[in-house]
Amino acid sequence: MLLVTAQLEAVKLREPEACRTLLAKLKSHYPNYSQLAAADTDGRIFCASGPTAASVADQPFFTRAMAHNGLAVGNYWVDPSTGQKMIHFAQQFDDSNARLEGVVFAGLDLAWLSEHLKENGLPATSSKLIADRKGNIIARLPHPEEFVGKNIRGTHERIMDGGEAGWEEVTGVDGITRIFGYVPPSLPPKDFFLSIGEAKAEGFAAIDSATWRGAAFILAGLWAALFVAWAGRRLVSSPTEGLLWAAADQCPLYGLRSSSCRKQSLERREVSPSAPAFQRVKPTPLRWACRPR
């Protein structure tokens, strides 16, 4: 949007009335911005979508925008004429001869930003926070109305000035100890400190619950393994009993009763103590198993 604004003829020629009308119309299509304006190279505002300060020469976003050609990000700021809280984004603009003429800028409405973050949802025990490079909170969930504008650099200076993303256990601005994941301002998206946290107590409660569930599954698996081992032992250690019973079933062929043959055959098993389990039972020949006593 700033690139388009910088190409408007009324901006390039610094025509206040025409520029003001165009910016007011443009702003009506972007409710997330509190302000659209343009300033000359000295920081004097010559065109704005609504009431604003006379100069931005002392604002960080203006000095950054004048220093290099690209998107410049400001810091937390409260408009003294309206009381609106915002953060600025700025871009250089040239005249028709490609000479630097000033800066166009937009003030992002911080009330809108917090509402926008709510659309993604947030568990009751979690928090989201965005701060500018100075540590001023520009968005925070939950309770943005209590924390936007507060500075966290005093408790977060080490990680804010670091060059790596990471996690840390910290007591937040609301006094609740949370485990935070964070990205410092030196990393993309640049110029912002980002963090999201989960309350420590609730986080560890979830871990404990998962640990107990895991232990229950392990015990269930152990009992299943013991049962399978027991069943397998019976299957392997006495394979010949089935042969003896099958042999006894053939006794009627010899004029004997099966019940008496089964008893005789099981009583006459010979066991070799030194043999493996599956060889310790030596089946008696079929004709002996059916032999009358």
C-alpha atoms as a PDB file:
ATOM      1  CA  MET A   1       0.000   0.000   0.000  1.00  0.00           C
ATOM      2  CA  LEU A   2       2.845   2.424   0.826  1.00  0.00           C
ATOM      3  CA  LEU A   3       4.463   1.768  -2.537  1.00  0.00           C
ATOM      4  CA  VAL A   4       1.205   2.673  -4.279  1.00  0.00           C
ATOM      5  CA  THR A   5       0.786   5.779  -2.126  1.00  0.00           C
ATOM      6  CA  ALA A   6       4.314   6.892  -3.002  1.00  0.00           C
ATOM      7  CA  GLN A   7       3.384   6.836  -6.710  1.00  0.00           C
ATOM      8  CA  LEU A   8       0.372   9.144  -6.400  1.00  0.00           C
ATOM      9  CA  GLU A   9       0.902  12.346  -8.342  1.00  0.00           C
ATOM     10  CA  ALA A  10      -0.566  14.479  -5.540  1.00  0.00           C
ATOM     11  CA  VAL A  11       2.082  13.040  -3.210  1.00  0.00           C
ATOM     12  CA  LYS A  12       4.977  13.391  -5.639  1.00  0.00           C
ATOM     13  CA  LEU A  13       4.038  17.030  -6.369  1.00  0.00           C
ATOM     14  CA  ARG A  14       3.260  17.693  -2.692  1.00  0.00           C
ATOM     15  CA  GLU A  15      -0.216  19.061  -3.345  1.00  0.00           C
ATOM     16  CA  PRO A  16      -1.785  19.198   0.156  1.00  0.00           C
ATOM     17  CA  GLU A  17      -5.489  19.387  -0.668  1.00  0.00           C
ATOM     18  CA  ALA A  18      -5.540  16.769  -3.412  1.00  0.00           C
ATOM     19  CA  CYS A  19      -3.226  14.527  -1.383  1.00  0.00           C
ATOM     20  CA  ARG A  20      -5.390  14.807   1.752  1.00  0.00           C
ATOM     21  CA  THR A  21      -8.524  13.811  -0.171  1.00  0.00           C
ATOM     22  CA  LEU A  22      -6.820  10.805  -1.746  1.00  0.00           C
ATOM     23  CA  LEU A  23      -5.353   9.547   1.547  1.00  0.00           C
ATOM     24  CA  ALA A  24      -8.665   9.906   3.373  1.00  0.00           C
ATOM     25  CA  LYS A  25     -10.371   7.871   0.661  1.00  0.00           C
ATOM     26  CA  LEU A  26      -7.594   5.267   0.704  1.00  0.00           C
ATOM     27  CA  LYS A  27      -7.754   4.922   4.486  1.00  0.00           C
ATOM     28  CA  SER A  28     -11.489   4.161   4.323  1.00  0.00           C
ATOM     29  CA  HIS A  29     -10.559   0.889   2.594  1.00  0.00           C
ATOM     30  CA  TYR A  30      -8.022  -0.062   5.294  1.00  0.00           C
ATOM     31  CA  PRO A  31      -9.674   0.022   8.752  1.00  0.00           C
ATOM     32  CA  ASN A  32      -6.567  -1.543  10.294  1.00  0.00           C
ATOM     33  CA  TYR A  33      -4.678   1.741   9.840  1.00  0.00           C
ATOM     34  CA  SER A  34      -5.259   4.725  12.110  1.00  0.00           C
ATOM     35  CA  GLN A  35      -3.371   7.108   9.917  1.00  0.00           C
ATOM     36  CA  LEU A  36      -1.949   7.656   6.425  1.00  0.00           C
ATOM     37  CA  ALA A  37       0.296  10.652   5.830  1.00  0.00           C
ATOM     38  CA  ALA A  38       3.241  12.107   3.942  1.00  0.00           C
ATOM     39  CA  ALA A  39       6.096  14.299   5.171  1.00  0.00           C
ATOM     40  CA  ASP A  40       8.855  16.205   3.413  1.00  0.00           C
ATOM     41  CA  THR A  41      12.577  15.566   3.924  1.00  0.00           C
ATOM     42  CA  ASP A  42      12.548  17.731   7.074  1.00  0.00           C
ATOM     43  CA  GLY A  43       9.764  15.670   8.634  1.00  0.00           C
ATOM     44  CA  ARG A  44       7.025  18.305   8.211  1.00  0.00           C
ATOM     45  CA  ILE A  45       3.673  16.634   7.459  1.00  0.00           C
ATOM     46  CA  PHE A  46       2.050  18.213   4.411  1.00  0.00           C
ATOM     47  CA  CYS A  47      -0.695  15.666   3.864  1.00  0.00           C
ATOM     48  CA  ALA A  48      -2.647  13.348   6.193  1.00  0.00           C
ATOM     49  CA  SER A  49      -5.849  11.318   6.190  1.00  0.00           C
ATOM     50  CA  GLY A  50      -6.948  12.987   9.445  1.00  0.00           C
ATOM     51  CA  PRO A  51      -5.805  15.157  12.357  1.00  0.00           C
ATOM     52  CA  THR A  52      -2.203  14.466  13.366  1.00  0.00           C
ATOM     53  CA  ALA A  53       1.004  16.063  14.648  1.00  0.00           C
ATOM     54  CA  ALA A  54       2.734  18.762  12.607  1.00  0.00           C
ATOM     55  CA  SER A  55       6.076  16.962  12.350  1.00  0.00           C
ATOM     56  CA  VAL A  56       7.583  13.507  12.617  1.00  0.00           C
ATOM     57  CA  ALA A  57      11.196  14.613  12.362  1.00  0.00           C
ATOM     58  CA  ASP A  58      11.993  13.111  15.789  1.00  0.00           C
ATOM     59  CA  GLN A  59      10.267   9.793  15.135  1.00  0.00           C
ATOM     60  CA  PRO A  60      12.423   6.648  14.697  1.00  0.00           C
ATOM     61  CA  PHE A  61      10.432   5.441  11.681  1.00  0.00           C
ATOM     62  CA  PHE A  62      11.157   8.737   9.846  1.00  0.00           C
ATOM     63  CA  THR A  63      14.907   8.709  10.472  1.00  0.00           C
ATOM     64  CA  ARG A  64      15.111   5.030   9.466  1.00  0.00           C
ATOM     65  CA  ALA A  65      13.097   5.616   6.291  1.00  0.00           C
ATOM     66  CA  MET A  66      15.280   8.568   5.303  1.00  0.00           C
ATOM     67  CA  ALA A  67      18.434   6.529   5.953  1.00  0.00           C
ATOM     68  CA  HIS A  68      17.653   3.743   3.490  1.00  0.00           C
ATOM     69  CA  ASN A  69      15.256   3.008   0.659  1.00  0.00           C
ATOM     70  CA  GLY A  70      12.991   0.250   1.898  1.00  0.00           C
ATOM     71  CA  LEU A  71      10.311  -0.454   4.439  1.00  0.00           C
ATOM     72  CA  ALA A  72      11.098   1.124   7.802  1.00  0.00           C
ATOM     73  CA  VAL A  73       9.393   0.101  11.057  1.00  0.00           C
ATOM     74  CA  GLY A  74       8.826   2.478  13.947  1.00  0.00           C
ATOM     75  CA  ASN A  75       8.184   1.994  17.651  1.00  0.00           C
ATOM     76  CA  TYR A  76       5.120   2.123  19.863  1.00  0.00           C
ATOM     77  CA  TRP A  77       3.587   5.595  19.625  1.00  0.00           C
ATOM     78  CA  VAL A  78       0.540   7.428  20.957  1.00  0.00           C
ATOM     79  CA  ASP A  79      -0.851  10.195  18.762  1.00  0.00           C
ATOM     80  CA  PRO A  80      -1.010  13.274  21.031  1.00  0.00           C
ATOM     81  CA  SER A  81      -3.944  14.716  19.075  1.00  0.00           C
ATOM     82  CA  THR A  82      -6.177  11.620  19.153  1.00  0.00           C
ATOM     83  CA  GLY A  83      -4.737   9.364  21.877  1.00  0.00           C
ATOM     84  CA  GLN A  84      -4.662   6.409  19.472  1.00  0.00           C
ATOM     85  CA  LYS A  85      -1.948   3.817  19.988  1.00  0.00           C
ATOM     86  CA  MET A  86      -0.106   2.733  16.851  1.00  0.00           C
ATOM     87  CA  ILE A  87       3.138   1.623  15.269  1.00  0.00           C
ATOM     88  CA  HIS A  88       4.347   3.174  12.012  1.00  0.00           C
ATOM     89  CA  PHE A  89       5.580   1.751   8.732  1.00  0.00           C
ATOM     90  CA  ALA A  90       7.293   4.150   6.324  1.00  0.00           C
ATOM     91  CA  GLN A  91       8.673   4.312   2.780  1.00  0.00           C
ATOM     92  CA  GLN A  92      10.567   6.956   0.794  1.00  0.00           C
ATOM     93  CA  PHE A  93       8.969   8.706  -2.171  1.00  0.00           C
ATOM     94  CA  ASP A  94      10.591  10.560  -5.073  1.00  0.00           C
ATOM     95  CA  ASP A  95       9.512  13.412  -7.326  1.00  0.00           C
ATOM     96  CA  SER A  96       9.049  12.994 -11.066  1.00  0.00           C
ATOM     97  CA  ASN A  97      12.821  13.371 -11.551  1.00  0.00           C
ATOM     98  CA  ALA A  98      13.632  10.531  -9.105  1.00  0.00           C
ATOM     99  CA  ARG A  99      14.885  12.914  -6.438  1.00  0.00           C
ATOM    100  CA  LEU A 100      14.086  12.085  -2.822  1.00  0.00           C
ATOM    101  CA  GLU A 101      11.185  14.260  -1.668  1.00  0.00           C
ATOM    102  CA  GLY A 102      10.130  12.740   1.632  1.00  0.00           C
ATOM    103  CA  VAL A 103       8.415   9.816   3.330  1.00  0.00           C
ATOM    104  CA  VAL A 104       4.923   8.299   3.211  1.00  0.00           C
ATOM    105  CA  PHE A 105       3.847   6.438   6.310  1.00  0.00           C
ATOM    106  CA  ALA A 106       0.972   4.496   7.848  1.00  0.00           C
ATOM    107  CA  GLY A 107       0.100   4.013  11.511  1.00  0.00           C
ATOM    108  CA  LEU A 108      -1.153   0.495  12.313  1.00  0.00           C
ATOM    109  CA  ASP A 109      -3.971   0.574  14.868  1.00  0.00           C
ATOM    110  CA  LEU A 110      -2.848  -1.495  17.872  1.00  0.00           C
ATOM    111  CA  ALA A 111      -6.404  -2.092  19.070  1.00  0.00           C
ATOM    112  CA  TRP A 112      -7.112  -3.699  15.691  1.00  0.00           C
ATOM    113  CA  LEU A 113      -3.918  -5.780  15.954  1.00  0.00           C
ATOM    114  CA  SER A 114      -4.934  -7.348  19.273  1.00  0.00           C
ATOM    115  CA  GLU A 115      -8.416  -8.106  17.941  1.00  0.00           C
ATOM    116  CA  HIS A 116      -6.864  -9.687  14.863  1.00  0.00           C
ATOM    117  CA  LEU A 117      -4.726 -11.992  17.026  1.00  0.00           C
ATOM    118  CA  LYS A 118      -7.847 -13.178  18.862  1.00  0.00           C
ATOM    119  CA  GLU A 119      -9.218 -14.594  15.596  1.00  0.00           C
ATOM    120  CA  ASN A 120      -6.644 -17.398  15.722  1.00  0.00           C
ATOM    121  CA  GLY A 121      -7.897 -18.515  19.135  1.00  0.00           C
ATOM    122  CA  LEU A 122      -5.935 -18.865  22.367  1.00  0.00           C
ATOM    123  CA  PRO A 123      -6.128 -21.495  25.144  1.00  0.00           C
ATOM    124  CA  ALA A 124      -6.942 -20.039  28.555  1.00  0.00           C
ATOM    125  CA  THR A 125      -3.486 -20.920  29.928  1.00  0.00           C
ATOM    126  CA  SER A 126      -1.500 -19.480  26.985  1.00  0.00           C
ATOM    127  CA  SER A 127      -0.290 -16.012  26.018  1.00  0.00           C
ATOM    128  CA  LYS A 128       0.837 -14.198  22.867  1.00  0.00           C
ATOM    129  CA  LEU A 129       3.006 -11.103  22.844  1.00  0.00           C
ATOM    130  CA  ILE A 130       4.491  -8.752  20.253  1.00  0.00           C
ATOM    131  CA  ALA A 131       6.853  -5.946  21.288  1.00  0.00           C
ATOM    132  CA  ASP A 132       8.833  -3.384  19.322  1.00  0.00           C
ATOM    133  CA  ARG A 133      12.639  -3.377  19.313  1.00  0.00           C
ATOM    134  CA  LYS A 134      12.647  -1.217  22.446  1.00  0.00           C
ATOM    135  CA  GLY A 135      10.563  -3.708  24.395  1.00  0.00           C
ATOM    136  CA  ASN A 136       7.282  -1.779  24.271  1.00  0.00           C
ATOM    137  CA  ILE A 137       4.325  -4.173  24.032  1.00  0.00           C
ATOM    138  CA  ILE A 138       2.231  -3.472  20.931  1.00  0.00           C
ATOM    139  CA  ALA A 139      -0.047  -6.532  21.192  1.00  0.00           C
ATOM    140  CA  ARG A 140      -0.707  -9.000  23.961  1.00  0.00           C
ATOM    141  CA  LEU A 141      -3.240 -11.738  24.661  1.00  0.00           C
ATOM    142  CA  PRO A 142      -4.994 -12.116  26.984  1.00  0.00           C
ATOM    143  CA  HIS A 143      -5.941  -8.665  28.380  1.00  0.00           C
ATOM    144  CA  PRO A 144      -4.327  -6.335  25.812  1.00  0.00           C
ATOM    145  CA  GLU A 145      -5.939  -3.299  27.413  1.00  0.00           C
ATOM    146  CA  GLU A 146      -3.811  -3.863  30.540  1.00  0.00           C
ATOM    147  CA  PHE A 147      -0.443  -4.468  28.897  1.00  0.00           C
ATOM    148  CA  VAL A 148      -0.158  -2.642  25.540  1.00  0.00           C
ATOM    149  CA  GLY A 149       2.360   0.165  26.001  1.00  0.00           C
ATOM    150  CA  LYS A 150       4.206  -1.455  28.918  1.00  0.00           C
ATOM    151  CA  ASN A 151       7.921  -2.136  28.526  1.00  0.00           C
ATOM    152  CA  ILE A 152       9.405  -5.610  29.067  1.00  0.00           C
ATOM    153  CA  ARG A 153      13.057  -4.909  28.291  1.00  0.00           C
ATOM    154  CA  GLY A 154      14.017  -4.952  31.961  1.00  0.00           C
ATOM    155  CA  THR A 155      13.110  -8.642  32.308  1.00  0.00           C
ATOM    156  CA  HIS A 156      13.765  -9.738  28.707  1.00  0.00           C
ATOM    157  CA  GLU A 157      16.876  -7.755  27.718  1.00  0.00           C
ATOM    158  CA  ARG A 158      19.182 -10.754  27.299  1.00  0.00           C
ATOM    159  CA  ILE A 159      16.909 -12.665  24.936  1.00  0.00           C
ATOM    160  CA  MET A 160      15.723  -9.533  23.122  1.00  0.00           C
ATOM    161  CA  ASP A 161      19.305  -8.591  22.250  1.00  0.00           C
ATOM    162  CA  GLY A 162      20.258 -12.140  21.293  1.00  0.00           C
ATOM    163  CA  GLY A 163      20.621 -13.470  17.776  1.00  0.00           C
ATOM    164  CA  GLU A 164      18.835 -16.806  18.138  1.00  0.00           C
ATOM    165  CA  ALA A 165      15.279 -17.968  18.654  1.00  0.00           C
ATOM    166  CA  GLY A 166      14.694 -20.200  21.652  1.00  0.00           C
ATOM    167  CA  TRP A 167      12.598 -20.936  24.719  1.00  0.00           C
ATOM    168  CA  GLU A 168      12.816 -19.920  28.342  1.00  0.00           C
ATOM    169  CA  GLU A 169      10.928 -20.131  31.618  1.00  0.00           C
ATOM    170  CA  VAL A 170       9.951 -16.584  32.574  1.00  0.00           C
ATOM    171  CA  THR A 171       7.465 -14.873  34.848  1.00  0.00           C
ATOM    172  CA  GLY A 172       5.341 -12.765  32.510  1.00  0.00           C
ATOM    173  CA  VAL A 173       3.968  -9.264  32.882  1.00  0.00           C
ATOM    174  CA  ASP A 174       0.846 -10.757  34.490  1.00  0.00           C
ATOM    175  CA  GLY A 175       2.882 -12.513  37.217  1.00  0.00           C
ATOM    176  CA  ILE A 176       2.290 -16.041  35.831  1.00  0.00           C
ATOM    177  CA  THR A 177       5.308 -18.272  35.211  1.00  0.00           C
ATOM    178  CA  ARG A 178       5.230 -19.592  31.663  1.00  0.00           C
ATOM    179  CA  ILE A 179       7.452 -21.519  29.287  1.00  0.00           C
ATOM    180  CA  PHE A 180       7.952 -19.185  26.308  1.00  0.00           C
ATOM    181  CA  GLY A 181       9.083 -19.722  22.761  1.00  0.00           C
ATOM    182  CA  TYR A 182      10.478 -16.478  21.338  1.00  0.00           C
ATOM    183  CA  VAL A 183      12.018 -14.776  18.291  1.00  0.00           C
ATOM    184  CA  PRO A 184      14.281 -11.716  18.900  1.00  0.00           C
ATOM    185  CA  PRO A 185      14.025  -8.508  16.810  1.00  0.00           C
ATOM    186  CA  SER A 186      17.249  -9.322  14.931  1.00  0.00           C
ATOM    187  CA  LEU A 187      15.594 -12.270  13.156  1.00  0.00           C
ATOM    188  CA  PRO A 188      12.802 -12.233  10.523  1.00  0.00           C
ATOM    189  CA  PRO A 189      10.259 -10.720  10.442  1.00  0.00           C
ATOM    190  CA  LYS A 190      12.757  -8.188  11.907  1.00  0.00           C
ATOM    191  CA  ASP A 191      12.209  -5.282  14.306  1.00  0.00           C
ATOM    192  CA  PHE A 192       9.720  -7.196  16.480  1.00  0.00           C
ATOM    193  CA  PHE A 193      10.069  -9.386  19.549  1.00  0.00           C
ATOM    194  CA  LEU A 194       7.597 -12.263  19.271  1.00  0.00           C
ATOM    195  CA  SER A 195       6.692 -14.802  21.931  1.00  0.00           C
ATOM    196  CA  ILE A 196       4.049 -17.357  22.763  1.00  0.00           C
ATOM    197  CA  GLY A 197       3.862 -19.085  26.130  1.00  0.00           C
ATOM    198  CA  GLU A 198       2.097 -21.813  28.061  1.00  0.00           C
ATOM    199  CA  ALA A 199       1.578 -21.675  31.840  1.00  0.00           C
ATOM    200  CA  LYS A 200       4.163 -23.921  33.501  1.00  0.00           C
ATOM    201  CA  ALA A 201       1.740 -25.663  35.883  1.00  0.00           C
ATOM    202  CA  GLU A 202      -0.703 -26.615  33.122  1.00  0.00           C
ATOM    203  CA  GLY A 203       2.102 -27.562  30.759  1.00  0.00           C
ATOM    204  CA  PHE A 204       3.642 -30.011  33.218  1.00  0.00           C
ATOM    205  CA  ALA A 205       0.213 -31.372  34.131  1.00  0.00           C
ATOM    206  CA  ALA A 206      -0.239 -32.371  30.496  1.00  0.00           C
ATOM    207  CA  ILE A 207       3.226 -33.992  30.481  1.00  0.00           C
ATOM    208  CA  ASP A 208       2.444 -35.934  33.684  1.00  0.00           C
ATOM    209  CA  SER A 209      -0.837 -37.132  32.201  1.00  0.00           C
ATOM    210  CA  ALA A 210       0.928 -38.318  29.056  1.00  0.00           C
ATOM    211  CA  THR A 211       3.580 -40.071  31.186  1.00  0.00           C
ATOM    212  CA  TRP A 212       0.948 -42.023  33.164  1.00  0.00           C
ATOM    213  CA  ARG A 213      -0.812 -43.012  29.959  1.00  0.00           C
ATOM    214  CA  GLY A 214       2.474 -44.254  28.576  1.00  0.00           C
ATOM    215  CA  ALA A 215       3.175 -46.262  31.741  1.00  0.00           C
ATOM    216  CA  ALA A 216      -0.273 -47.872  31.535  1.00  0.00           C
ATOM    217  CA  PHE A 217       0.365 -48.938  27.941  1.00  0.00           C
ATOM    218  CA  ILE A 218       3.748 -50.415  28.932  1.00  0.00           C
ATOM    219  CA  LEU A 219       2.206 -52.448  31.785  1.00  0.00           C
ATOM    220  CA  ALA A 220      -0.564 -53.688  29.520  1.00  0.00           C
ATOM    221  CA  GLY A 221       2.039 -54.756  26.977  1.00  0.00           C
ATOM    222  CA  LEU A 222       4.072 -56.511  29.689  1.00  0.00           C
ATOM    223  CA  TRP A 223       1.066 -58.531  30.900  1.00  0.00           C
ATOM    224  CA  ALA A 224       0.243 -59.479  27.309  1.00  0.00           C
ATOM    225  CA  ALA A 225       3.842 -60.630  26.775  1.00  0.00           C
ATOM    226  CA  LEU A 226       3.786 -62.721  29.968  1.00  0.00           C
ATOM    227  CA  PHE A 227       0.545 -64.388  28.892  1.00  0.00           C
ATOM    228  CA  VAL A 228       1.925 -65.185  25.446  1.00  0.00           C
ATOM    229  CA  ALA A 229       5.110 -66.584  27.019  1.00  0.00           C
ATOM    230  CA  TRP A 230       3.082 -68.774  29.406  1.00  0.00           C
ATOM    231  CA  ALA A 231       0.876 -70.064  26.625  1.00  0.00           C
ATOM    232  CA  GLY A 232       3.895 -70.698  24.415  1.00  0.00           C
ATOM    233  CA  ARG A 233       5.681 -72.589  27.207  1.00  0.00           C
ATOM    234  CA  ARG A 234       2.741 -74.956  27.592  1.00  0.00           C
ATOM    235  CA  LEU A 235       2.580 -75.418  23.847  1.00  0.00           C
ATOM    236  CA  VAL A 236       6.310 -76.189  23.544  1.00  0.00           C
ATOM    237  CA  SER A 237       7.036 -78.081  26.811  1.00  0.00           C
ATOM    238  CA  SER A 238       4.356 -80.787  26.434  1.00  0.00           C
ATOM    239  CA  PRO A 239       3.870 -81.483  22.753  1.00  0.00           C
ATOM    240  CA  THR A 240       3.731 -85.251  23.239  1.00  0.00           C
ATOM    241  CA  GLU A 241       0.739 -85.232  25.541  1.00  0.00           C
ATOM    242  CA  GLY A 242      -1.369 -84.593  22.507  1.00  0.00           C
ATOM    243  CA  LEU A 243       0.228 -87.598  20.799  1.00  0.00           C
ATOM    244  CA  LEU A 244      -0.542 -89.804  23.779  1.00  0.00           C
ATOM    245  CA  TRP A 245      -4.148 -88.703  23.836  1.00  0.00           C
ATOM    246  CA  ALA A 246      -4.409 -89.256  20.105  1.00  0.00           C
ATOM    247  CA  ALA A 247      -2.890 -92.709  20.506  1.00  0.00           C
ATOM    248  CA  ALA A 248      -5.364 -93.600  23.201  1.00  0.00           C
ATOM    249  CA  ASP A 249      -8.182 -92.675  20.883  1.00  0.00           C
ATOM    250  CA  GLN A 250      -7.107 -95.632  18.711  1.00  0.00           C
ATOM    251  CA  CYS A 251      -7.575 -98.173  21.556  1.00  0.00           C
ATOM    252  CA  PRO A 252     -11.064 -99.232  20.492  1.00  0.00           C
ATOM    253  CA  LEU A 253      -9.350-100.782  17.489  1.00  0.00           C
ATOM    254  CA  TYR A 254      -7.774-103.212  19.976  1.00  0.00           C
ATOM    255  CA  GLY A 255     -10.957-103.858  21.950  1.00  0.00           C
ATOM    256  CA  LEU A 256     -10.047-101.546  24.834  1.00  0.00           C
ATOM    257  CA  ARG A 257     -11.740 -98.539  26.354  1.00  0.00           C
ATOM    258  CA  SER A 258     -10.168 -95.134  25.538  1.00  0.00           C
ATOM    259  CA  SER A 259     -10.505 -93.836  29.096  1.00  0.00           C
ATOM    260  CA  SER A 260      -8.464 -96.672  30.621  1.00  0.00           C
ATOM    261  CA  CYS A 261      -5.855 -96.422  27.874  1.00  0.00           C
ATOM    262  CA  ARG A 262      -5.376 -92.676  28.424  1.00  0.00           C
ATOM    263  CA  LYS A 263      -4.782 -93.298  32.135  1.00  0.00           C
ATOM    264  CA  GLN A 264      -2.310 -96.101  31.480  1.00  0.00           C
ATOM    265  CA  SER A 265      -0.396 -94.189  28.826  1.00  0.00           C
ATOM    266  CA  LEU A 266      -0.038 -91.034  30.917  1.00  0.00           C
ATOM    267  CA  GLU A 267       1.099 -93.057  33.941  1.00  0.00           C
ATOM    268  CA  ARG A 268       3.841 -94.797  31.920  1.00  0.00           C
ATOM    269  CA  ARG A 269       5.527 -91.685  30.416  1.00  0.00           C
ATOM    270  CA  GLU A 270       9.317 -91.788  30.694  1.00  0.00           C
ATOM    271  CA  VAL A 271      11.095 -88.470  31.328  1.00  0.00           C
ATOM    272  CA  SER A 272      14.731 -87.677  30.662  1.00  0.00           C
ATOM    273  CA  PRO A 273      15.702 -84.827  33.046  1.00  0.00           C
ATOM    274  CA  SER A 274      18.718 -83.734  31.016  1.00  0.00           C
ATOM    275  CA  ALA A 275      16.822 -83.445  27.717  1.00  0.00           C
ATOM    276  CA  PRO A 276      15.391 -80.151  26.402  1.00  0.00           C
ATOM    277  CA  ALA A 277      11.865 -79.321  27.481  1.00  0.00           C
ATOM    278  CA  PHE A 278      10.300 -80.311  24.209  1.00  0.00           C
ATOM    279  CA  GLN A 279      12.046 -83.772  24.317  1.00  0.00           C
ATOM    280  CA  ARG A 280      11.554 -84.681  27.981  1.00  0.00           C
ATOM    281  CA  VAL A 281       8.308 -86.590  27.415  1.00  0.00           C
ATOM    282  CA  LYS A 282       8.868 -89.806  25.509  1.00  0.00           C
ATOM    283  CA  PRO A 283       5.646 -91.163  24.035  1.00  0.00           C
ATOM    284  CA  THR A 284       4.926 -94.837  24.616  1.00  0.00           C
ATOM    285  CA  PRO A 285       4.312 -96.925  21.472  1.00  0.00           C
ATOM    286  CA  LEU A 286       0.756 -97.055  20.317  1.00  0.00           C
ATOM    287  CA  ARG A 287       0.299-100.759  20.882  1.00  0.00           C
ATOM    288  CA  TRP A 288       1.682-100.524  24.478  1.00  0.00           C
ATOM    289  CA  ALA A 289      -0.607 -97.538  25.234  1.00  0.00           C
ATOM    290  CA  CYS A 290      -3.564 -99.669  24.295  1.00  0.00           C
ATOM    291  CA  ARG A 291      -2.296-102.840  25.974  1.00  0.00           C
ATOM    292  CA  PRO A 292      -4.723-104.242  28.597  1.00  0.00           C
ATOM    293  CA  ARG A 293      -3.407-104.678  32.159  1.00  0.00           C
END
